[in-house]
Amino acid sequence: MDLLETDVFMWHGYSVLYLEGKWVKATPAFNIEMCTRSGVKSLGFNGVDDPFMHEFNEQDKKHMDYLTDYGFFADLPHERIITSLKSSYPKFFVLVENNKSIKDSF
């Protein structure tokens, strides 16, 4: 958090699946191990509901929420994301610019 200088994660995404004629949101990044480490309940997935956000932790206290929904994209909007990240996290990107091995991953 210190490096980002905020607790807001820009472009924290989710997946959208088309199942039985309906679009369903899901966050596959939160496996059971990550949920346990983060102190949040596993959302589960039933193929019908939108299990896409860990709004509350295991103590039912507010954990996170999406501030902006950028919509759906057929392909990852890489340039748009990088531009947004650079303006939101300037301290982090100074570090990236000074470290070739990190920079090459962008």
PDB file of N, CA and C in Angstrom:
ATOM      1  N   MET A   1       0.813  -1.191   0.000  1.00  0.00           N
ATOM      2  CA  MET A   1       0.000   0.000   0.000  1.00  0.00           C
ATOM      3  C   MET A   1       0.865   1.268   0.000  1.00  0.00           C
ATOM      4  N   ASP A   2       2.007   1.212   0.691  1.00  0.00           N
ATOM      5  CA  ASP A   2       2.879   2.383   0.734  1.00  0.00           C
ATOM      6  C   ASP A   2       3.375   2.758  -0.656  1.00  0.00           C
ATOM      7  N   LEU A   3       3.725   1.771  -1.433  1.00  0.00           N
ATOM      8  CA  LEU A   3       4.244   2.018  -2.774  1.00  0.00           C
ATOM      9  C   LEU A   3       3.167   2.603  -3.688  1.00  0.00           C
ATOM     10  N   LEU A   4       1.923   2.175  -3.498  1.00  0.00           N
ATOM     11  CA  LEU A   4       0.827   2.686  -4.318  1.00  0.00           C
ATOM     12  C   LEU A   4       0.284   4.002  -3.769  1.00  0.00           C
ATOM     13  N   GLU A   5       0.510   4.267  -2.496  1.00  0.00           N
ATOM     14  CA  GLU A   5       0.042   5.471  -1.805  1.00  0.00           C
ATOM     15  C   GLU A   5      -1.478   5.576  -1.744  1.00  0.00           C
ATOM     16  N   THR A   6      -2.154   4.433  -1.766  1.00  0.00           N
ATOM     17  CA  THR A   6      -3.612   4.390  -1.695  1.00  0.00           C
ATOM     18  C   THR A   6      -4.049   2.959  -1.413  1.00  0.00           C
ATOM     19  N   ASP A   7      -5.280   2.806  -0.977  1.00  0.00           N
ATOM     20  CA  ASP A   7      -5.825   1.458  -0.821  1.00  0.00           C
ATOM     21  C   ASP A   7      -6.805   1.132  -1.948  1.00  0.00           C
ATOM     22  N   VAL A   8      -6.804   1.975  -2.975  1.00  0.00           N
ATOM     23  CA  VAL A   8      -7.659   1.757  -4.144  1.00  0.00           C
ATOM     24  C   VAL A   8      -6.846   1.048  -5.223  1.00  0.00           C
ATOM     25  N   PHE A   9      -7.344  -0.088  -5.668  1.00  0.00           N
ATOM     26  CA  PHE A   9      -6.698  -0.834  -6.747  1.00  0.00           C
ATOM     27  C   PHE A   9      -7.428  -0.530  -8.050  1.00  0.00           C
ATOM     28  N   MET A  10      -6.765   0.219  -8.904  1.00  0.00           N
ATOM     29  CA  MET A  10      -7.352   0.542 -10.206  1.00  0.00           C
ATOM     30  C   MET A  10      -7.382  -0.715 -11.067  1.00  0.00           C
ATOM     31  N   TRP A  11      -8.442  -0.886 -11.778  1.00  0.00           N
ATOM     32  CA  TRP A  11      -8.578  -1.980 -12.729  1.00  0.00           C
ATOM     33  C   TRP A  11      -8.462  -3.355 -12.075  1.00  0.00           C
ATOM     34  N   HIS A  12      -8.993  -3.489 -10.880  1.00  0.00           N
ATOM     35  CA  HIS A  12      -9.087  -4.822 -10.270  1.00  0.00           C
ATOM     36  C   HIS A  12     -10.255  -5.500 -10.971  1.00  0.00           C
ATOM     37  N   GLY A  13      -9.949  -6.434 -11.832  1.00  0.00           N
ATOM     38  CA  GLY A  13     -10.972  -6.986 -12.705  1.00  0.00           C
ATOM     39  C   GLY A  13     -11.600  -8.274 -12.238  1.00  0.00           C
ATOM     40  N   TYR A  14     -12.494  -8.731 -13.063  1.00  0.00           N
ATOM     41  CA  TYR A  14     -13.169 -10.004 -12.855  1.00  0.00           C
ATOM     42  C   TYR A  14     -13.450 -10.617 -14.217  1.00  0.00           C
ATOM     43  N   SER A  15     -13.818 -11.854 -14.223  1.00  0.00           N
ATOM     44  CA  SER A  15     -14.141 -12.547 -15.471  1.00  0.00           C
ATOM     45  C   SER A  15     -15.650 -12.566 -15.670  1.00  0.00           C
ATOM     46  N   VAL A  16     -16.063 -12.668 -16.913  1.00  0.00           N
ATOM     47  CA  VAL A  16     -17.479 -12.790 -17.236  1.00  0.00           C
ATOM     48  C   VAL A  16     -17.640 -14.024 -18.112  1.00  0.00           C
ATOM     49  N   LEU A  17     -18.526 -14.899 -17.699  1.00  0.00           N
ATOM     50  CA  LEU A  17     -18.760 -16.159 -18.409  1.00  0.00           C
ATOM     51  C   LEU A  17     -20.170 -16.170 -18.975  1.00  0.00           C
ATOM     52  N   TYR A  18     -20.323 -16.686 -20.183  1.00  0.00           N
ATOM     53  CA  TYR A  18     -21.652 -16.816 -20.779  1.00  0.00           C
ATOM     54  C   TYR A  18     -22.116 -18.252 -20.565  1.00  0.00           C
ATOM     55  N   LEU A  19     -23.057 -18.428 -19.645  1.00  0.00           N
ATOM     56  CA  LEU A  19     -23.525 -19.759 -19.276  1.00  0.00           C
ATOM     57  C   LEU A  19     -25.038 -19.867 -19.429  1.00  0.00           C
ATOM     58  N   GLU A  20     -25.471 -20.801 -20.221  1.00  0.00           N
ATOM     59  CA  GLU A  20     -26.895 -21.077 -20.421  1.00  0.00           C
ATOM     60  C   GLU A  20     -27.697 -19.812 -20.727  1.00  0.00           C
ATOM     61  N   GLY A  21     -27.168 -18.995 -21.647  1.00  0.00           N
ATOM     62  CA  GLY A  21     -27.880 -17.806 -22.107  1.00  0.00           C
ATOM     63  C   GLY A  21     -27.790 -16.598 -21.195  1.00  0.00           C
ATOM     64  N   LYS A  22     -26.894 -16.624 -20.210  1.00  0.00           N
ATOM     65  CA  LYS A  22     -26.783 -15.515 -19.265  1.00  0.00           C
ATOM     66  C   LYS A  22     -25.310 -15.216 -18.982  1.00  0.00           C
ATOM     67  N   TRP A  23     -24.973 -13.926 -18.865  1.00  0.00           N
ATOM     68  CA  TRP A  23     -23.626 -13.516 -18.479  1.00  0.00           C
ATOM     69  C   TRP A  23     -23.512 -13.561 -16.962  1.00  0.00           C
ATOM     70  N   VAL A  24     -22.480 -14.225 -16.460  1.00  0.00           N
ATOM     71  CA  VAL A  24     -22.259 -14.375 -15.023  1.00  0.00           C
ATOM     72  C   VAL A  24     -20.862 -13.856 -14.680  1.00  0.00           C
ATOM     73  N   LYS A  25     -20.776 -12.953 -13.697  1.00  0.00           N
ATOM     74  CA  LYS A  25     -19.488 -12.413 -13.245  1.00  0.00           C
ATOM     75  C   LYS A  25     -18.853 -13.382 -12.257  1.00  0.00           C
ATOM     76  N   ALA A  26     -17.519 -13.437 -12.260  1.00  0.00           N
ATOM     77  CA  ALA A  26     -16.804 -14.304 -11.320  1.00  0.00           C
ATOM     78  C   ALA A  26     -15.396 -13.763 -11.092  1.00  0.00           C
ATOM     79  N   THR A  27     -14.860 -13.999  -9.900  1.00  0.00           N
ATOM     80  CA  THR A  27     -13.482 -13.615  -9.587  1.00  0.00           C
ATOM     81  C   THR A  27     -12.667 -14.868  -9.303  1.00  0.00           C
ATOM     82  N   PRO A  28     -12.141 -15.498 -10.339  1.00  0.00           N
ATOM     83  CA  PRO A  28     -11.396 -16.739 -10.144  1.00  0.00           C
ATOM     84  C   PRO A  28     -10.056 -16.557  -9.442  1.00  0.00           C
ATOM     85  N   ALA A  29      -9.608 -15.322  -9.244  1.00  0.00           N
ATOM     86  CA  ALA A  29      -8.312 -15.092  -8.596  1.00  0.00           C
ATOM     87  C   ALA A  29      -8.334 -15.431  -7.107  1.00  0.00           C
ATOM     88  N   PHE A  30      -9.501 -15.441  -6.505  1.00  0.00           N
ATOM     89  CA  PHE A  30      -9.609 -15.717  -5.077  1.00  0.00           C
ATOM     90  C   PHE A  30      -9.895 -17.187  -4.833  1.00  0.00           C
ATOM     91  N   ASN A  31      -8.841 -18.000  -4.818  1.00  0.00           N
ATOM     92  CA  ASN A  31      -9.019 -19.412  -4.481  1.00  0.00           C
ATOM     93  C   ASN A  31      -9.146 -19.533  -2.959  1.00  0.00           C
ATOM     94  N   ILE A  32      -9.396 -20.725  -2.467  1.00  0.00           N
ATOM     95  CA  ILE A  32      -9.649 -20.919  -1.038  1.00  0.00           C
ATOM     96  C   ILE A  32      -8.450 -20.511  -0.182  1.00  0.00           C
ATOM     97  N   GLU A  33      -7.229 -20.753  -0.665  1.00  0.00           N
ATOM     98  CA  GLU A  33      -6.037 -20.362   0.093  1.00  0.00           C
ATOM     99  C   GLU A  33      -5.938 -18.842   0.242  1.00  0.00           C
ATOM    100  N   MET A  34      -6.220 -18.124  -0.829  1.00  0.00           N
ATOM    101  CA  MET A  34      -6.159 -16.670  -0.763  1.00  0.00           C
ATOM    102  C   MET A  34      -7.267 -16.128   0.140  1.00  0.00           C
ATOM    103  N   CYS A  35      -8.439 -16.724   0.083  1.00  0.00           N
ATOM    104  CA  CYS A  35      -9.535 -16.313   0.964  1.00  0.00           C
ATOM    105  C   CYS A  35      -9.134 -16.484   2.424  1.00  0.00           C
ATOM    106  N   THR A  36      -8.532 -17.614   2.742  1.00  0.00           N
ATOM    107  CA  THR A  36      -8.100 -17.891   4.114  1.00  0.00           C
ATOM    108  C   THR A  36      -7.065 -16.867   4.565  1.00  0.00           C
ATOM    109  N   ARG A  37      -6.061 -16.596   3.721  1.00  0.00           N
ATOM    110  CA  ARG A  37      -5.023 -15.607   4.058  1.00  0.00           C
ATOM    111  C   ARG A  37      -5.602 -14.207   4.225  1.00  0.00           C
ATOM    112  N   SER A  38      -6.611 -13.879   3.418  1.00  0.00           N
ATOM    113  CA  SER A  38      -7.194 -12.539   3.438  1.00  0.00           C
ATOM    114  C   SER A  38      -8.307 -12.384   4.469  1.00  0.00           C
ATOM    115  N   GLY A  39      -8.737 -13.486   5.062  1.00  0.00           N
ATOM    116  CA  GLY A  39      -9.800 -13.422   6.063  1.00  0.00           C
ATOM    117  C   GLY A  39     -11.171 -13.167   5.480  1.00  0.00           C
ATOM    118  N   VAL A  40     -11.388 -13.649   4.255  1.00  0.00           N
ATOM    119  CA  VAL A  40     -12.708 -13.504   3.632  1.00  0.00           C
ATOM    120  C   VAL A  40     -13.297 -14.878   3.345  1.00  0.00           C
ATOM    121  N   LYS A  41     -14.620 -14.922   3.263  1.00  0.00           N
ATOM    122  CA  LYS A  41     -15.296 -16.179   2.962  1.00  0.00           C
ATOM    123  C   LYS A  41     -15.156 -16.495   1.478  1.00  0.00           C
ATOM    124  N   SER A  42     -15.067 -17.758   1.161  1.00  0.00           N
ATOM    125  CA  SER A  42     -15.064 -18.174  -0.237  1.00  0.00           C
ATOM    126  C   SER A  42     -16.434 -17.863  -0.826  1.00  0.00           C
ATOM    127  N   LEU A  43     -16.448 -17.319  -2.024  1.00  0.00           N
ATOM    128  CA  LEU A  43     -17.720 -16.961  -2.646  1.00  0.00           C
ATOM    129  C   LEU A  43     -18.463 -18.161  -3.213  1.00  0.00           C
ATOM    130  N   GLY A  44     -17.716 -19.173  -3.595  1.00  0.00           N
ATOM    131  CA  GLY A  44     -18.358 -20.302  -4.257  1.00  0.00           C
ATOM    132  C   GLY A  44     -18.792 -19.907  -5.658  1.00  0.00           C
ATOM    133  N   PHE A  45     -19.207 -20.857  -6.426  1.00  0.00           N
ATOM    134  CA  PHE A  45     -19.659 -20.577  -7.786  1.00  0.00           C
ATOM    135  C   PHE A  45     -20.727 -21.590  -8.153  1.00  0.00           C
ATOM    136  N   ASN A  46     -21.920 -21.089  -8.476  1.00  0.00           N
ATOM    137  CA  ASN A  46     -23.010 -21.988  -8.842  1.00  0.00           C
ATOM    138  C   ASN A  46     -23.431 -21.853 -10.300  1.00  0.00           C
ATOM    139  N   GLY A  47     -22.769 -20.971 -11.050  1.00  0.00           N
ATOM    140  CA  GLY A  47     -23.080 -20.807 -12.461  1.00  0.00           C
ATOM    141  C   GLY A  47     -24.311 -19.969 -12.736  1.00  0.00           C
ATOM    142  N   VAL A  48     -24.950 -19.446 -11.689  1.00  0.00           N
ATOM    143  CA  VAL A  48     -26.168 -18.652 -11.854  1.00  0.00           C
ATOM    144  C   VAL A  48     -25.974 -17.239 -11.295  1.00  0.00           C
ATOM    145  N   ASP A  49     -25.500 -17.160 -10.054  1.00  0.00           N
ATOM    146  CA  ASP A  49     -25.317 -15.867  -9.392  1.00  0.00           C
ATOM    147  C   ASP A  49     -23.975 -15.249  -9.771  1.00  0.00           C
ATOM    148  N   ASP A  50     -23.777 -13.991  -9.407  1.00  0.00           N
ATOM    149  CA  ASP A  50     -22.542 -13.256  -9.690  1.00  0.00           C
ATOM    150  C   ASP A  50     -21.635 -13.241  -8.463  1.00  0.00           C
ATOM    151  N   PRO A  51     -20.837 -14.281  -8.255  1.00  0.00           N
ATOM    152  CA  PRO A  51     -19.937 -14.274  -7.096  1.00  0.00           C
ATOM    153  C   PRO A  51     -18.645 -13.534  -7.432  1.00  0.00           C
ATOM    154  N   PHE A  52     -18.707 -12.204  -7.537  1.00  0.00           N
ATOM    155  CA  PHE A  52     -17.549 -11.495  -8.062  1.00  0.00           C
ATOM    156  C   PHE A  52     -16.879 -10.537  -7.088  1.00  0.00           C
ATOM    157  N   MET A  53     -17.324 -10.477  -5.842  1.00  0.00           N
ATOM    158  CA  MET A  53     -16.690  -9.526  -4.946  1.00  0.00           C
ATOM    159  C   MET A  53     -16.808  -9.998  -3.500  1.00  0.00           C
ATOM    160  N   HIS A  54     -15.710  -9.888  -2.777  1.00  0.00           N
ATOM    161  CA  HIS A  54     -15.702 -10.196  -1.342  1.00  0.00           C
ATOM    162  C   HIS A  54     -16.025  -8.911  -0.587  1.00  0.00           C
ATOM    163  N   GLU A  55     -17.298  -8.554  -0.568  1.00  0.00           N
ATOM    164  CA  GLU A  55     -17.700  -7.279   0.023  1.00  0.00           C
ATOM    165  C   GLU A  55     -17.431  -7.218   1.531  1.00  0.00           C
ATOM    166  N   PHE A  56     -17.601  -8.354   2.212  1.00  0.00           N
ATOM    167  CA  PHE A  56     -17.399  -8.391   3.661  1.00  0.00           C
ATOM    168  C   PHE A  56     -16.392  -9.469   4.034  1.00  0.00           C
ATOM    169  N   ASN A  57     -15.697  -9.261   5.156  1.00  0.00           N
ATOM    170  CA  ASN A  57     -14.750 -10.275   5.621  1.00  0.00           C
ATOM    171  C   ASN A  57     -15.472 -11.315   6.480  1.00  0.00           C
ATOM    172  N   GLU A  58     -14.713 -12.212   7.087  1.00  0.00           N
ATOM    173  CA  GLU A  58     -15.320 -13.277   7.894  1.00  0.00           C
ATOM    174  C   GLU A  58     -16.034 -12.744   9.132  1.00  0.00           C
ATOM    175  N   GLN A  59     -15.717 -11.517   9.554  1.00  0.00           N
ATOM    176  CA  GLN A  59     -16.396 -10.894  10.696  1.00  0.00           C
ATOM    177  C   GLN A  59     -17.542  -9.991  10.240  1.00  0.00           C
ATOM    178  N   ASP A  60     -17.937 -10.113   8.967  1.00  0.00           N
ATOM    179  CA  ASP A  60     -19.008  -9.309   8.363  1.00  0.00           C
ATOM    180  C   ASP A  60     -18.733  -7.810   8.400  1.00  0.00           C
ATOM    181  N   LYS A  61     -17.446  -7.430   8.370  1.00  0.00           N
ATOM    182  CA  LYS A  61     -17.061  -6.027   8.257  1.00  0.00           C
ATOM    183  C   LYS A  61     -16.736  -5.740   6.798  1.00  0.00           C
ATOM    184  N   LYS A  62     -17.011  -4.509   6.373  1.00  0.00           N
ATOM    185  CA  LYS A  62     -16.762  -4.111   4.990  1.00  0.00           C
ATOM    186  C   LYS A  62     -15.316  -4.415   4.619  1.00  0.00           C
ATOM    187  N   HIS A  63     -15.117  -5.143   3.540  1.00  0.00           N
ATOM    188  CA  HIS A  63     -13.778  -5.543   3.104  1.00  0.00           C
ATOM    189  C   HIS A  63     -13.378  -4.824   1.821  1.00  0.00           C
ATOM    190  N   MET A  64     -14.260  -4.784   0.847  1.00  0.00           N
ATOM    191  CA  MET A  64     -13.956  -4.132  -0.427  1.00  0.00           C
ATOM    192  C   MET A  64     -15.243  -3.822  -1.173  1.00  0.00           C
ATOM    193  N   ASP A  65     -15.125  -2.925  -2.123  1.00  0.00           N
ATOM    194  CA  ASP A  65     -16.197  -2.741  -3.089  1.00  0.00           C
ATOM    195  C   ASP A  65     -15.605  -2.158  -4.363  1.00  0.00           C
ATOM    196  N   TYR A  66     -16.317  -2.348  -5.448  1.00  0.00           N
ATOM    197  CA  TYR A  66     -15.879  -1.812  -6.732  1.00  0.00           C
ATOM    198  C   TYR A  66     -16.338  -0.368  -6.820  1.00  0.00           C
ATOM    199  N   LEU A  67     -15.398   0.545  -7.061  1.00  0.00           N
ATOM    200  CA  LEU A  67     -15.715   1.959  -7.170  1.00  0.00           C
ATOM    201  C   LEU A  67     -16.122   2.328  -8.586  1.00  0.00           C
ATOM    202  N   THR A  68     -15.540   1.650  -9.564  1.00  0.00           N
ATOM    203  CA  THR A  68     -15.820   1.927 -10.970  1.00  0.00           C
ATOM    204  C   THR A  68     -15.956   0.621 -11.724  1.00  0.00           C
ATOM    205  N   ASP A  69     -17.017   0.504 -12.489  1.00  0.00           N
ATOM    206  CA  ASP A  69     -17.184  -0.651 -13.368  1.00  0.00           C
ATOM    207  C   ASP A  69     -16.889  -0.163 -14.781  1.00  0.00           C
ATOM    208  N   TYR A  70     -15.790  -0.622 -15.347  1.00  0.00           N
ATOM    209  CA  TYR A  70     -15.367  -0.175 -16.672  1.00  0.00           C
ATOM    210  C   TYR A  70     -16.079  -0.911 -17.796  1.00  0.00           C
ATOM    211  N   GLY A  71     -16.916  -1.856 -17.461  1.00  0.00           N
ATOM    212  CA  GLY A  71     -17.647  -2.598 -18.477  1.00  0.00           C
ATOM    213  C   GLY A  71     -16.883  -3.818 -18.952  1.00  0.00           C
ATOM    214  N   PHE A  72     -17.380  -4.397 -20.035  1.00  0.00           N
ATOM    215  CA  PHE A  72     -16.799  -5.621 -20.589  1.00  0.00           C
ATOM    216  C   PHE A  72     -15.984  -5.295 -21.837  1.00  0.00           C
ATOM    217  N   PHE A  73     -14.949  -6.076 -22.065  1.00  0.00           N
ATOM    218  CA  PHE A  73     -14.087  -5.884 -23.228  1.00  0.00           C
ATOM    219  C   PHE A  73     -13.852  -7.222 -23.904  1.00  0.00           C
ATOM    220  N   ALA A  74     -13.910  -7.239 -25.220  1.00  0.00           N
ATOM    221  CA  ALA A  74     -13.620  -8.466 -25.967  1.00  0.00           C
ATOM    222  C   ALA A  74     -12.143  -8.823 -25.853  1.00  0.00           C
ATOM    223  N   ASP A  75     -11.303  -7.802 -25.682  1.00  0.00           N
ATOM    224  CA  ASP A  75      -9.867  -8.010 -25.510  1.00  0.00           C
ATOM    225  C   ASP A  75      -9.392  -7.065 -24.407  1.00  0.00           C
ATOM    226  N   LEU A  76      -8.362  -7.442 -23.711  1.00  0.00           N
ATOM    227  CA  LEU A  76      -7.828  -6.638 -22.620  1.00  0.00           C
ATOM    228  C   LEU A  76      -7.403  -5.261 -23.132  1.00  0.00           C
ATOM    229  N   PRO A  77      -7.925  -4.165 -22.556  1.00  0.00           N
ATOM    230  CA  PRO A  77      -7.541  -2.812 -22.995  1.00  0.00           C
ATOM    231  C   PRO A  77      -6.211  -2.386 -22.361  1.00  0.00           C
ATOM    232  N   HIS A  78      -5.142  -3.041 -22.780  1.00  0.00           N
ATOM    233  CA  HIS A  78      -3.825  -2.894 -22.154  1.00  0.00           C
ATOM    234  C   HIS A  78      -3.366  -1.442 -22.051  1.00  0.00           C
ATOM    235  N   GLU A  79      -3.384  -0.712 -23.138  1.00  0.00           N
ATOM    236  CA  GLU A  79      -2.893   0.674 -23.116  1.00  0.00           C
ATOM    237  C   GLU A  79      -3.719   1.536 -22.168  1.00  0.00           C
ATOM    238  N   ARG A  80      -5.023   1.363 -22.188  1.00  0.00           N
ATOM    239  CA  ARG A  80      -5.906   2.126 -21.297  1.00  0.00           C
ATOM    240  C   ARG A  80      -5.593   1.815 -19.829  1.00  0.00           C
ATOM    241  N   ILE A  81      -5.363   0.555 -19.535  1.00  0.00           N
ATOM    242  CA  ILE A  81      -5.049   0.145 -18.165  1.00  0.00           C
ATOM    243  C   ILE A  81      -3.713   0.734 -17.726  1.00  0.00           C
ATOM    244  N   ILE A  82      -2.682   0.599 -18.548  1.00  0.00           N
ATOM    245  CA  ILE A  82      -1.351   1.105 -18.193  1.00  0.00           C
ATOM    246  C   ILE A  82      -1.377   2.617 -18.000  1.00  0.00           C
ATOM    247  N   THR A  83      -2.058   3.342 -18.876  1.00  0.00           N
ATOM    248  CA  THR A  83      -2.174   4.797 -18.740  1.00  0.00           C
ATOM    249  C   THR A  83      -2.832   5.160 -17.413  1.00  0.00           C
ATOM    250  N   SER A  84      -3.894   4.468 -17.074  1.00  0.00           N
ATOM    251  CA  SER A  84      -4.603   4.710 -15.817  1.00  0.00           C
ATOM    252  C   SER A  84      -3.732   4.381 -14.606  1.00  0.00           C
ATOM    253  N   LEU A  85      -3.025   3.261 -14.676  1.00  0.00           N
ATOM    254  CA  LEU A  85      -2.158   2.861 -13.567  1.00  0.00           C
ATOM    255  C   LEU A  85      -1.019   3.861 -13.363  1.00  0.00           C
ATOM    256  N   LYS A  86      -0.436   4.331 -14.458  1.00  0.00           N
ATOM    257  CA  LYS A  86       0.666   5.298 -14.357  1.00  0.00           C
ATOM    258  C   LYS A  86       0.210   6.596 -13.699  1.00  0.00           C
ATOM    259  N   SER A  87      -0.989   7.054 -14.020  1.00  0.00           N
ATOM    260  CA  SER A  87      -1.471   8.297 -13.406  1.00  0.00           C
ATOM    261  C   SER A  87      -1.933   8.077 -11.968  1.00  0.00           C
ATOM    262  N   SER A  88      -2.363   6.876 -11.634  1.00  0.00           N
ATOM    263  CA  SER A  88      -2.853   6.584 -10.282  1.00  0.00           C
ATOM    264  C   SER A  88      -1.744   6.227  -9.306  1.00  0.00           C
ATOM    265  N   TYR A  89      -0.673   5.613  -9.815  1.00  0.00           N
ATOM    266  CA  TYR A  89       0.418   5.128  -8.959  1.00  0.00           C
ATOM    267  C   TYR A  89       1.774   5.633  -9.444  1.00  0.00           C
ATOM    268  N   PRO A  90       1.996   6.948  -9.433  1.00  0.00           N
ATOM    269  CA  PRO A  90       3.255   7.481  -9.986  1.00  0.00           C
ATOM    270  C   PRO A  90       4.500   6.976  -9.262  1.00  0.00           C
ATOM    271  N   LYS A  91       4.444   6.838  -7.949  1.00  0.00           N
ATOM    272  CA  LYS A  91       5.605   6.355  -7.188  1.00  0.00           C
ATOM    273  C   LYS A  91       5.984   4.939  -7.625  1.00  0.00           C
ATOM    274  N   PHE A  92       5.003   4.098  -7.836  1.00  0.00           N
ATOM    275  CA  PHE A  92       5.247   2.730  -8.282  1.00  0.00           C
ATOM    276  C   PHE A  92       5.902   2.726  -9.660  1.00  0.00           C
ATOM    277  N   PHE A  93       5.408   3.570 -10.568  1.00  0.00           N
ATOM    278  CA  PHE A  93       5.950   3.552 -11.924  1.00  0.00           C
ATOM    279  C   PHE A  93       7.326   4.196 -12.034  1.00  0.00           C
ATOM    280  N   VAL A  94       7.714   5.042 -11.093  1.00  0.00           N
ATOM    281  CA  VAL A  94       9.105   5.508 -11.042  1.00  0.00           C
ATOM    282  C   VAL A  94       9.995   4.309 -10.760  1.00  0.00           C
ATOM    283  N   LEU A  95       9.574   3.465  -9.821  1.00  0.00           N
ATOM    284  CA  LEU A  95      10.318   2.242  -9.519  1.00  0.00           C
ATOM    285  C   LEU A  95      10.375   1.333 -10.746  1.00  0.00           C
ATOM    286  N   VAL A  96       9.265   1.193 -11.439  1.00  0.00           N
ATOM    287  CA  VAL A  96       9.218   0.351 -12.645  1.00  0.00           C
ATOM    288  C   VAL A  96      10.186   0.876 -13.694  1.00  0.00           C
ATOM    289  N   GLU A  97      10.166   2.176 -13.930  1.00  0.00           N
ATOM    290  CA  GLU A  97      11.047   2.771 -14.941  1.00  0.00           C
ATOM    291  C   GLU A  97      12.523   2.581 -14.596  1.00  0.00           C
ATOM    292  N   ASN A  98      12.830   2.503 -13.313  1.00  0.00           N
ATOM    293  CA  ASN A  98      14.222   2.341 -12.880  1.00  0.00           C
ATOM    294  C   ASN A  98      14.659   0.889 -12.764  1.00  0.00           C
ATOM    295  N   ASN A  99      13.768  -0.038 -13.017  1.00  0.00           N
ATOM    296  CA  ASN A  99      14.089  -1.461 -12.895  1.00  0.00           C
ATOM    297  C   ASN A  99      13.728  -2.160 -14.197  1.00  0.00           C
ATOM    298  N   LYS A 100      14.710  -2.405 -15.036  1.00  0.00           N
ATOM    299  CA  LYS A 100      14.479  -2.963 -16.367  1.00  0.00           C
ATOM    300  C   LYS A 100      13.729  -4.291 -16.326  1.00  0.00           C
ATOM    301  N   SER A 101      14.018  -5.157 -15.364  1.00  0.00           N
ATOM    302  CA  SER A 101      13.352  -6.464 -15.334  1.00  0.00           C
ATOM    303  C   SER A 101      11.858  -6.320 -15.054  1.00  0.00           C
ATOM    304  N   ILE A 102      11.479  -5.356 -14.210  1.00  0.00           N
ATOM    305  CA  ILE A 102      10.053  -5.107 -13.977  1.00  0.00           C
ATOM    306  C   ILE A 102       9.451  -4.435 -15.200  1.00  0.00           C
ATOM    307  N   LYS A 103      10.142  -3.430 -15.734  1.00  0.00           N
ATOM    308  CA  LYS A 103       9.644  -2.659 -16.872  1.00  0.00           C
ATOM    309  C   LYS A 103       9.336  -3.561 -18.061  1.00  0.00           C
ATOM    310  N   ASP A 104      10.167  -4.559 -18.300  1.00  0.00           N
ATOM    311  CA  ASP A 104       9.975  -5.451 -19.441  1.00  0.00           C
ATOM    312  C   ASP A 104       8.688  -6.263 -19.346  1.00  0.00           C
ATOM    313  N   SER A 105       8.126  -6.400 -18.143  1.00  0.00           N
ATOM    314  CA  SER A 105       6.890  -7.167 -18.001  1.00  0.00           C
ATOM    315  C   SER A 105       5.664  -6.355 -18.391  1.00  0.00           C
ATOM    316  N   PHE A 106       5.828  -5.041 -18.576  1.00  0.00           N
ATOM    317  CA  PHE A 106       4.723  -4.196 -19.006  1.00  0.00           C
ATOM    318  C   PHE A 106       4.849  -3.968 -20.485  1.00  0.00           C
TER     319      PHE A 106
END
